[in-house]
Amino acid sequence: MFQYTYNSPIGELLITYNNTHILGLHFDKSPTLEHLHNDIIHNCKAQLDAYFSGDLKDFDLPLHTPGTAFQQATWRALTQIPYGKTLSYKGMAEAINNPKAARAIGNANNKNPIAVIIPCHRVITHDGGLGGFGGGLDKKIWLLEHEKNSLS
């Protein structure tokens, strides 16, 4: 496993990867492993650059996200929320055919290993509140505003 610190408009993002997949993208964590330039990290950096410039709406990267079956279903559903849109935790629960799992959706989102690329920032509360975000609410607000503004 390798790590790369990507400088984004919302701060440093730590990308973990191997020779075949992106394994993680986390906020404000210092790298501890060596960096290897390969196609995986090159493509990830290019797509993040395009996302942050407003030119990329959908990531196309090989991801490896170990987790429970429920977490996997939640993370897949996150990738189906359109760019610039939001969905409530309840709506997410309904999307994975588990309508009573809104709280569990929040827990799965908190465990999302690949922030931004797997867009957990697009999930809000049923009344339109922001809910939580592992990177901090300031980053969630920035990401939501960035996507909204890139659509106009």
N, C-alpha and C. Protein backbone atom coordinates (compact mmCIF):
# COMPACT_ATOMS: atom_id res chain seq x y z
N MET A 1 0.84 -1.17 0.00
CA MET A 1 0.00 0.00 0.00
C MET A 1 0.89 1.24 0.00
N PHE A 2 0.41 2.27 -0.70
CA PHE A 2 1.14 3.53 -0.81
C PHE A 2 0.20 4.67 -0.43
N GLN A 3 0.78 5.82 -0.15
CA GLN A 3 -0.01 6.99 0.21
C GLN A 3 0.51 8.21 -0.54
N TYR A 4 -0.44 9.10 -0.83
CA TYR A 4 -0.10 10.35 -1.51
C TYR A 4 -0.95 11.45 -0.89
N THR A 5 -0.34 12.57 -0.58
CA THR A 5 -1.09 13.71 -0.07
C THR A 5 -1.44 14.63 -1.23
N TYR A 6 -2.73 14.80 -1.43
CA TYR A 6 -3.26 15.64 -2.52
C TYR A 6 -3.71 16.96 -1.90
N ASN A 7 -3.19 18.06 -2.42
CA ASN A 7 -3.59 19.38 -1.94
C ASN A 7 -4.82 19.84 -2.71
N SER A 8 -5.94 19.93 -2.01
CA SER A 8 -7.20 20.31 -2.63
C SER A 8 -7.67 21.66 -2.08
N PRO A 9 -8.70 22.23 -2.68
CA PRO A 9 -9.24 23.49 -2.16
C PRO A 9 -9.83 23.37 -0.75
N ILE A 10 -10.10 22.15 -0.30
CA ILE A 10 -10.65 21.95 1.04
C ILE A 10 -9.61 21.38 2.00
N GLY A 11 -8.36 21.45 1.62
CA GLY A 11 -7.29 20.96 2.49
C GLY A 11 -6.63 19.72 1.93
N GLU A 12 -5.69 19.21 2.71
CA GLU A 12 -4.96 18.02 2.27
C GLU A 12 -5.85 16.78 2.36
N LEU A 13 -5.80 15.98 1.31
CA LEU A 13 -6.50 14.71 1.25
C LEU A 13 -5.45 13.61 1.13
N LEU A 14 -5.55 12.63 1.98
CA LEU A 14 -4.61 11.52 1.95
C LEU A 14 -5.21 10.39 1.12
N ILE A 15 -4.57 10.07 0.01
CA ILE A 15 -5.02 8.99 -0.86
C ILE A 15 -4.17 7.77 -0.56
N THR A 16 -4.82 6.65 -0.27
CA THR A 16 -4.10 5.39 -0.14
C THR A 16 -4.44 4.54 -1.35
N TYR A 17 -3.47 3.80 -1.85
CA TYR A 17 -3.66 3.06 -3.09
C TYR A 17 -2.64 1.93 -3.18
N ASN A 18 -2.88 1.02 -4.11
CA ASN A 18 -1.90 -0.02 -4.43
C ASN A 18 -1.69 0.00 -5.94
N ASN A 19 -1.20 -1.06 -6.48
CA ASN A 19 -0.93 -1.09 -7.92
C ASN A 19 -2.18 -1.19 -8.78
N THR A 20 -3.33 -1.50 -8.16
CA THR A 20 -4.53 -1.73 -8.96
C THR A 20 -5.75 -0.91 -8.54
N HIS A 21 -5.79 -0.38 -7.31
CA HIS A 21 -7.01 0.26 -6.81
C HIS A 21 -6.72 1.45 -5.90
N ILE A 22 -7.68 2.34 -5.84
CA ILE A 22 -7.73 3.36 -4.80
C ILE A 22 -8.33 2.66 -3.58
N LEU A 23 -7.67 2.79 -2.44
CA LEU A 23 -8.12 2.12 -1.22
C LEU A 23 -8.75 3.08 -0.22
N GLY A 24 -8.36 4.34 -0.29
CA GLY A 24 -8.91 5.31 0.65
C GLY A 24 -8.63 6.73 0.22
N LEU A 25 -9.48 7.63 0.70
CA LEU A 25 -9.27 9.06 0.54
C LEU A 25 -9.80 9.69 1.82
N HIS A 26 -8.90 10.28 2.60
CA HIS A 26 -9.24 10.77 3.93
C HIS A 26 -8.80 12.21 4.09
N PHE A 27 -9.46 12.91 4.98
CA PHE A 27 -9.17 14.31 5.28
C PHE A 27 -8.10 14.43 6.35
N ASP A 28 -7.18 15.40 6.14
CA ASP A 28 -6.27 15.85 7.19
C ASP A 28 -5.51 14.73 7.91
N LYS A 29 -4.98 13.81 7.20
CA LYS A 29 -4.16 12.78 7.82
C LYS A 29 -2.79 12.79 7.18
N SER A 30 -1.78 12.69 7.98
CA SER A 30 -0.42 12.73 7.46
C SER A 30 -0.01 11.38 6.90
N PRO A 31 0.69 11.38 5.78
CA PRO A 31 1.13 10.11 5.20
C PRO A 31 2.21 9.46 6.06
N THR A 32 2.16 8.13 6.10
CA THR A 32 3.17 7.39 6.83
C THR A 32 3.84 6.33 5.96
N LEU A 33 3.28 6.07 4.81
CA LEU A 33 3.84 5.06 3.92
C LEU A 33 4.48 5.72 2.71
N GLU A 34 5.26 4.95 2.00
CA GLU A 34 5.94 5.52 0.84
C GLU A 34 4.99 5.82 -0.31
N HIS A 35 5.44 6.69 -1.18
CA HIS A 35 4.68 7.12 -2.35
C HIS A 35 5.25 6.42 -3.58
N LEU A 36 4.40 5.91 -4.43
CA LEU A 36 4.80 5.30 -5.68
C LEU A 36 3.97 5.93 -6.79
N HIS A 37 4.65 6.45 -7.79
CA HIS A 37 3.90 6.99 -8.94
C HIS A 37 3.53 5.84 -9.84
N ASN A 38 2.23 5.65 -10.04
CA ASN A 38 1.75 4.64 -10.98
C ASN A 38 0.49 5.19 -11.65
N ASP A 39 -0.08 4.42 -12.55
CA ASP A 39 -1.26 4.88 -13.28
C ASP A 39 -2.44 5.15 -12.36
N ILE A 40 -2.56 4.37 -11.29
CA ILE A 40 -3.68 4.54 -10.37
C ILE A 40 -3.66 5.93 -9.75
N ILE A 41 -2.54 6.33 -9.18
CA ILE A 41 -2.48 7.63 -8.51
C ILE A 41 -2.50 8.76 -9.56
N HIS A 42 -1.88 8.55 -10.69
CA HIS A 42 -1.91 9.56 -11.75
C HIS A 42 -3.35 9.84 -12.18
N ASN A 43 -4.13 8.79 -12.42
CA ASN A 43 -5.53 8.95 -12.84
C ASN A 43 -6.37 9.57 -11.73
N CYS A 44 -6.11 9.17 -10.50
CA CYS A 44 -6.86 9.71 -9.37
C CYS A 44 -6.60 11.22 -9.24
N LYS A 45 -5.35 11.62 -9.29
CA LYS A 45 -5.01 13.04 -9.20
C LYS A 45 -5.66 13.83 -10.35
N ALA A 46 -5.59 13.29 -11.54
CA ALA A 46 -6.18 13.98 -12.70
C ALA A 46 -7.69 14.14 -12.54
N GLN A 47 -8.36 13.09 -12.06
CA GLN A 47 -9.81 13.18 -11.87
C GLN A 47 -10.17 14.11 -10.71
N LEU A 48 -9.39 14.11 -9.64
CA LEU A 48 -9.64 15.07 -8.55
C LEU A 48 -9.42 16.50 -9.03
N ASP A 49 -8.37 16.73 -9.82
CA ASP A 49 -8.15 18.06 -10.39
C ASP A 49 -9.38 18.50 -11.20
N ALA A 50 -9.89 17.60 -12.04
CA ALA A 50 -11.04 17.92 -12.88
C ALA A 50 -12.30 18.13 -12.04
N TYR A 51 -12.47 17.33 -10.99
CA TYR A 51 -13.62 17.50 -10.09
C TYR A 51 -13.56 18.87 -9.41
N PHE A 52 -12.42 19.20 -8.84
CA PHE A 52 -12.30 20.46 -8.11
C PHE A 52 -12.34 21.68 -9.04
N SER A 53 -12.05 21.49 -10.32
CA SER A 53 -12.18 22.61 -11.26
C SER A 53 -13.61 22.71 -11.81
N GLY A 54 -14.47 21.74 -11.45
CA GLY A 54 -15.86 21.76 -11.90
C GLY A 54 -16.10 21.06 -13.22
N ASP A 55 -15.08 20.40 -13.75
CA ASP A 55 -15.20 19.76 -15.06
C ASP A 55 -15.59 18.28 -15.01
N LEU A 56 -15.46 17.63 -13.85
CA LEU A 56 -15.75 16.20 -13.73
C LEU A 56 -16.95 16.01 -12.81
N LYS A 57 -17.94 15.29 -13.30
CA LYS A 57 -19.15 15.03 -12.50
C LYS A 57 -19.17 13.61 -11.94
N ASP A 58 -18.56 12.66 -12.63
CA ASP A 58 -18.56 11.26 -12.22
C ASP A 58 -17.15 10.71 -12.27
N PHE A 59 -16.69 10.17 -11.16
CA PHE A 59 -15.37 9.55 -11.12
C PHE A 59 -15.42 8.18 -11.77
N ASP A 60 -14.33 7.81 -12.40
CA ASP A 60 -14.19 6.50 -13.02
C ASP A 60 -12.83 5.95 -12.62
N LEU A 61 -12.78 5.42 -11.41
CA LEU A 61 -11.53 4.90 -10.86
C LEU A 61 -11.77 3.51 -10.29
N PRO A 62 -10.77 2.65 -10.32
CA PRO A 62 -10.92 1.35 -9.69
C PRO A 62 -10.81 1.51 -8.17
N LEU A 63 -11.87 1.15 -7.47
CA LEU A 63 -11.93 1.31 -6.02
C LEU A 63 -11.98 -0.05 -5.34
N HIS A 64 -11.35 -0.14 -4.19
CA HIS A 64 -11.44 -1.35 -3.36
C HIS A 64 -11.90 -0.89 -2.00
N THR A 65 -13.11 -1.32 -1.61
CA THR A 65 -13.72 -0.87 -0.37
C THR A 65 -14.23 -2.05 0.45
N PRO A 66 -13.35 -2.70 1.20
CA PRO A 66 -13.82 -3.80 2.04
C PRO A 66 -14.80 -3.28 3.09
N GLY A 67 -15.81 -4.05 3.36
CA GLY A 67 -16.80 -3.68 4.37
C GLY A 67 -17.87 -4.75 4.42
N THR A 68 -18.83 -4.54 5.30
CA THR A 68 -19.94 -5.49 5.41
C THR A 68 -20.82 -5.38 4.16
N ALA A 69 -21.71 -6.34 4.00
CA ALA A 69 -22.63 -6.30 2.86
C ALA A 69 -23.48 -5.03 2.90
N PHE A 70 -23.90 -4.64 4.10
CA PHE A 70 -24.70 -3.42 4.24
C PHE A 70 -23.89 -2.19 3.85
N GLN A 71 -22.65 -2.11 4.33
CA GLN A 71 -21.79 -0.98 3.97
C GLN A 71 -21.57 -0.93 2.46
N GLN A 72 -21.30 -2.07 1.86
CA GLN A 72 -21.09 -2.13 0.42
C GLN A 72 -22.32 -1.61 -0.33
N ALA A 73 -23.50 -2.04 0.09
CA ALA A 73 -24.74 -1.59 -0.56
C ALA A 73 -24.91 -0.09 -0.39
N THR A 74 -24.61 0.41 0.79
CA THR A 74 -24.72 1.84 1.05
C THR A 74 -23.76 2.62 0.17
N TRP A 75 -22.51 2.20 0.11
CA TRP A 75 -21.51 2.92 -0.68
C TRP A 75 -21.83 2.88 -2.16
N ARG A 76 -22.36 1.75 -2.65
CA ARG A 76 -22.79 1.68 -4.06
C ARG A 76 -23.91 2.68 -4.31
N ALA A 77 -24.86 2.74 -3.37
CA ALA A 77 -25.99 3.67 -3.53
C ALA A 77 -25.52 5.12 -3.51
N LEU A 78 -24.50 5.43 -2.74
CA LEU A 78 -23.97 6.79 -2.71
C LEU A 78 -23.50 7.22 -4.10
N THR A 79 -22.90 6.31 -4.83
CA THR A 79 -22.39 6.65 -6.16
C THR A 79 -23.51 6.90 -7.16
N GLN A 80 -24.74 6.57 -6.77
CA GLN A 80 -25.88 6.79 -7.66
C GLN A 80 -26.56 8.14 -7.42
N ILE A 81 -26.16 8.86 -6.37
CA ILE A 81 -26.74 10.18 -6.13
C ILE A 81 -26.11 11.12 -7.15
N PRO A 82 -26.91 11.76 -7.98
CA PRO A 82 -26.35 12.61 -9.03
C PRO A 82 -25.53 13.78 -8.48
N TYR A 83 -24.53 14.14 -9.21
CA TYR A 83 -23.68 15.30 -8.92
C TYR A 83 -24.57 16.52 -8.71
N GLY A 84 -24.32 17.26 -7.64
CA GLY A 84 -25.07 18.47 -7.37
C GLY A 84 -26.40 18.24 -6.69
N LYS A 85 -26.75 17.00 -6.42
CA LYS A 85 -28.02 16.67 -5.77
C LYS A 85 -27.74 16.10 -4.37
N THR A 86 -28.78 16.05 -3.56
CA THR A 86 -28.68 15.44 -2.23
C THR A 86 -29.80 14.43 -2.06
N LEU A 87 -29.62 13.57 -1.08
CA LEU A 87 -30.62 12.58 -0.73
C LEU A 87 -30.59 12.44 0.78
N SER A 88 -31.73 12.23 1.40
CA SER A 88 -31.78 12.09 2.85
C SER A 88 -31.30 10.69 3.27
N TYR A 89 -30.97 10.57 4.54
CA TYR A 89 -30.60 9.26 5.08
C TYR A 89 -31.76 8.28 4.88
N LYS A 90 -32.99 8.76 5.08
CA LYS A 90 -34.17 7.92 4.86
C LYS A 90 -34.28 7.53 3.39
N GLY A 91 -34.04 8.48 2.49
CA GLY A 91 -34.06 8.17 1.06
C GLY A 91 -33.00 7.16 0.67
N MET A 92 -31.83 7.27 1.31
CA MET A 92 -30.77 6.28 1.08
C MET A 92 -31.22 4.89 1.54
N ALA A 93 -31.86 4.84 2.71
CA ALA A 93 -32.34 3.56 3.24
C ALA A 93 -33.35 2.93 2.28
N GLU A 94 -34.23 3.76 1.74
CA GLU A 94 -35.20 3.26 0.77
C GLU A 94 -34.51 2.82 -0.51
N ALA A 95 -33.45 3.52 -0.91
CA ALA A 95 -32.73 3.17 -2.14
C ALA A 95 -32.08 1.79 -2.06
N ILE A 96 -31.74 1.37 -0.85
CA ILE A 96 -31.14 0.03 -0.72
C ILE A 96 -32.16 -1.00 -0.21
N ASN A 97 -33.45 -0.64 -0.33
CA ASN A 97 -34.54 -1.53 0.06
C ASN A 97 -34.50 -1.93 1.53
N ASN A 98 -34.14 -0.99 2.38
CA ASN A 98 -34.09 -1.22 3.82
C ASN A 98 -34.60 0.06 4.51
N PRO A 99 -35.92 0.35 4.36
CA PRO A 99 -36.46 1.66 4.74
C PRO A 99 -36.31 2.04 6.21
N LYS A 100 -36.03 1.11 7.08
CA LYS A 100 -35.88 1.42 8.50
C LYS A 100 -34.42 1.62 8.90
N ALA A 101 -33.53 1.68 7.93
CA ALA A 101 -32.09 1.69 8.22
C ALA A 101 -31.44 3.06 8.12
N ALA A 102 -32.21 4.13 8.29
CA ALA A 102 -31.64 5.47 8.13
C ALA A 102 -30.46 5.71 9.08
N ARG A 103 -30.57 5.29 10.32
CA ARG A 103 -29.47 5.46 11.27
C ARG A 103 -28.26 4.63 10.86
N ALA A 104 -28.51 3.43 10.41
CA ALA A 104 -27.42 2.56 9.96
C ALA A 104 -26.74 3.14 8.72
N ILE A 105 -27.51 3.83 7.89
CA ILE A 105 -26.94 4.52 6.71
C ILE A 105 -25.93 5.55 7.19
N GLY A 106 -26.28 6.30 8.22
CA GLY A 106 -25.36 7.29 8.78
C GLY A 106 -24.08 6.65 9.27
N ASN A 107 -24.20 5.50 9.93
CA ASN A 107 -23.01 4.79 10.41
C ASN A 107 -22.16 4.29 9.25
N ALA A 108 -22.80 3.77 8.22
CA ALA A 108 -22.05 3.29 7.05
C ALA A 108 -21.36 4.46 6.35
N ASN A 109 -22.04 5.59 6.24
CA ASN A 109 -21.42 6.76 5.63
C ASN A 109 -20.19 7.20 6.42
N ASN A 110 -20.28 7.12 7.73
CA ASN A 110 -19.15 7.49 8.59
C ASN A 110 -17.95 6.58 8.36
N LYS A 111 -18.19 5.37 7.89
CA LYS A 111 -17.12 4.41 7.64
C LYS A 111 -16.66 4.42 6.19
N ASN A 112 -17.25 5.29 5.36
CA ASN A 112 -16.88 5.38 3.95
C ASN A 112 -15.37 5.61 3.84
N PRO A 113 -14.65 4.68 3.22
CA PRO A 113 -13.19 4.81 3.16
C PRO A 113 -12.68 5.75 2.06
N ILE A 114 -13.57 6.15 1.14
CA ILE A 114 -13.10 6.94 -0.01
C ILE A 114 -14.00 8.17 -0.17
N ALA A 115 -13.78 9.15 0.72
CA ALA A 115 -14.57 10.38 0.69
C ALA A 115 -14.43 11.08 -0.66
N VAL A 116 -15.36 11.92 -0.95
CA VAL A 116 -15.46 12.72 -2.18
C VAL A 116 -15.75 11.82 -3.38
N ILE A 117 -14.92 10.84 -3.65
CA ILE A 117 -15.12 9.95 -4.80
C ILE A 117 -16.37 9.10 -4.59
N ILE A 118 -16.55 8.57 -3.39
CA ILE A 118 -17.82 7.95 -2.98
C ILE A 118 -18.51 9.05 -2.19
N PRO A 119 -19.48 9.74 -2.79
CA PRO A 119 -19.94 11.05 -2.31
C PRO A 119 -20.89 11.03 -1.11
N CYS A 120 -20.38 10.65 0.05
CA CYS A 120 -21.22 10.65 1.25
C CYS A 120 -21.62 12.07 1.65
N HIS A 121 -20.92 13.07 1.12
CA HIS A 121 -21.29 14.45 1.43
C HIS A 121 -22.66 14.82 0.86
N ARG A 122 -23.19 14.03 -0.04
CA ARG A 122 -24.48 14.33 -0.67
C ARG A 122 -25.68 13.84 0.14
N VAL A 123 -25.42 13.25 1.31
CA VAL A 123 -26.51 12.75 2.15
C VAL A 123 -26.78 13.76 3.27
N ILE A 124 -28.07 14.11 3.40
CA ILE A 124 -28.50 15.11 4.38
C ILE A 124 -29.65 14.54 5.21
N THR A 125 -30.10 15.30 6.20
CA THR A 125 -31.22 14.85 7.02
C THR A 125 -32.54 15.05 6.28
N HIS A 126 -33.58 14.39 6.77
CA HIS A 126 -34.89 14.46 6.09
C HIS A 126 -35.47 15.87 6.07
N ASP A 127 -35.06 16.72 7.03
CA ASP A 127 -35.57 18.09 7.06
C ASP A 127 -34.66 19.09 6.36
N GLY A 128 -33.66 18.59 5.63
CA GLY A 128 -32.77 19.45 4.87
C GLY A 128 -31.52 19.87 5.63
N GLY A 129 -31.37 19.42 6.89
CA GLY A 129 -30.15 19.72 7.64
C GLY A 129 -28.97 18.95 7.08
N LEU A 130 -27.80 19.36 7.46
CA LEU A 130 -26.60 18.74 6.90
C LEU A 130 -26.28 17.37 7.47
N GLY A 131 -26.66 17.10 8.70
CA GLY A 131 -26.23 15.86 9.32
C GLY A 131 -24.75 15.96 9.64
N GLY A 132 -24.07 14.85 9.71
CA GLY A 132 -22.64 14.85 10.02
C GLY A 132 -21.79 14.68 8.79
N PHE A 133 -20.49 14.81 9.02
CA PHE A 133 -19.52 14.57 7.95
C PHE A 133 -18.15 14.39 8.58
N GLY A 134 -17.50 13.28 8.27
CA GLY A 134 -16.22 12.95 8.87
C GLY A 134 -15.14 13.99 8.62
N GLY A 135 -15.22 14.70 7.52
CA GLY A 135 -14.22 15.71 7.21
C GLY A 135 -14.52 17.05 7.85
N GLY A 136 -15.69 17.17 8.48
CA GLY A 136 -16.12 18.43 9.08
C GLY A 136 -17.20 19.07 8.23
N LEU A 137 -18.14 19.71 8.90
CA LEU A 137 -19.27 20.31 8.17
C LEU A 137 -18.84 21.41 7.22
N ASP A 138 -17.75 22.10 7.53
CA ASP A 138 -17.27 23.14 6.61
C ASP A 138 -16.89 22.54 5.27
N LYS A 139 -16.31 21.36 5.27
CA LYS A 139 -15.94 20.70 4.01
C LYS A 139 -17.17 20.18 3.28
N LYS A 140 -18.14 19.67 4.04
CA LYS A 140 -19.39 19.20 3.42
C LYS A 140 -20.09 20.36 2.73
N ILE A 141 -20.19 21.49 3.42
CA ILE A 141 -20.83 22.68 2.83
C ILE A 141 -20.08 23.09 1.57
N TRP A 142 -18.75 23.11 1.63
CA TRP A 142 -17.96 23.51 0.47
C TRP A 142 -18.23 22.57 -0.71
N LEU A 143 -18.21 21.26 -0.47
CA LEU A 143 -18.42 20.29 -1.55
C LEU A 143 -19.81 20.44 -2.17
N LEU A 144 -20.83 20.59 -1.32
CA LEU A 144 -22.20 20.75 -1.84
C LEU A 144 -22.33 22.04 -2.65
N GLU A 145 -21.78 23.12 -2.16
CA GLU A 145 -21.84 24.40 -2.88
C GLU A 145 -21.03 24.33 -4.18
N HIS A 146 -19.88 23.70 -4.12
CA HIS A 146 -19.04 23.53 -5.32
C HIS A 146 -19.82 22.81 -6.41
N GLU A 147 -20.47 21.71 -6.06
CA GLU A 147 -21.21 20.95 -7.06
C GLU A 147 -22.41 21.74 -7.57
N LYS A 148 -23.12 22.39 -6.67
CA LYS A 148 -24.28 23.20 -7.08
C LYS A 148 -23.84 24.32 -8.03
N ASN A 149 -22.77 25.00 -7.68
CA ASN A 149 -22.29 26.10 -8.52
C ASN A 149 -21.72 25.63 -9.85
N SER A 150 -21.16 24.44 -9.89
CA SER A 150 -20.60 23.90 -11.14
C SER A 150 -21.69 23.52 -12.13
N LEU A 151 -22.90 23.34 -11.65
CA LEU A 151 -24.00 23.00 -12.53
C LEU A 151 -24.59 24.22 -13.23
N SER A 152 -24.39 25.41 -12.63
CA SER A 152 -24.98 26.61 -13.23
C SER A 152 -24.13 27.22 -14.29
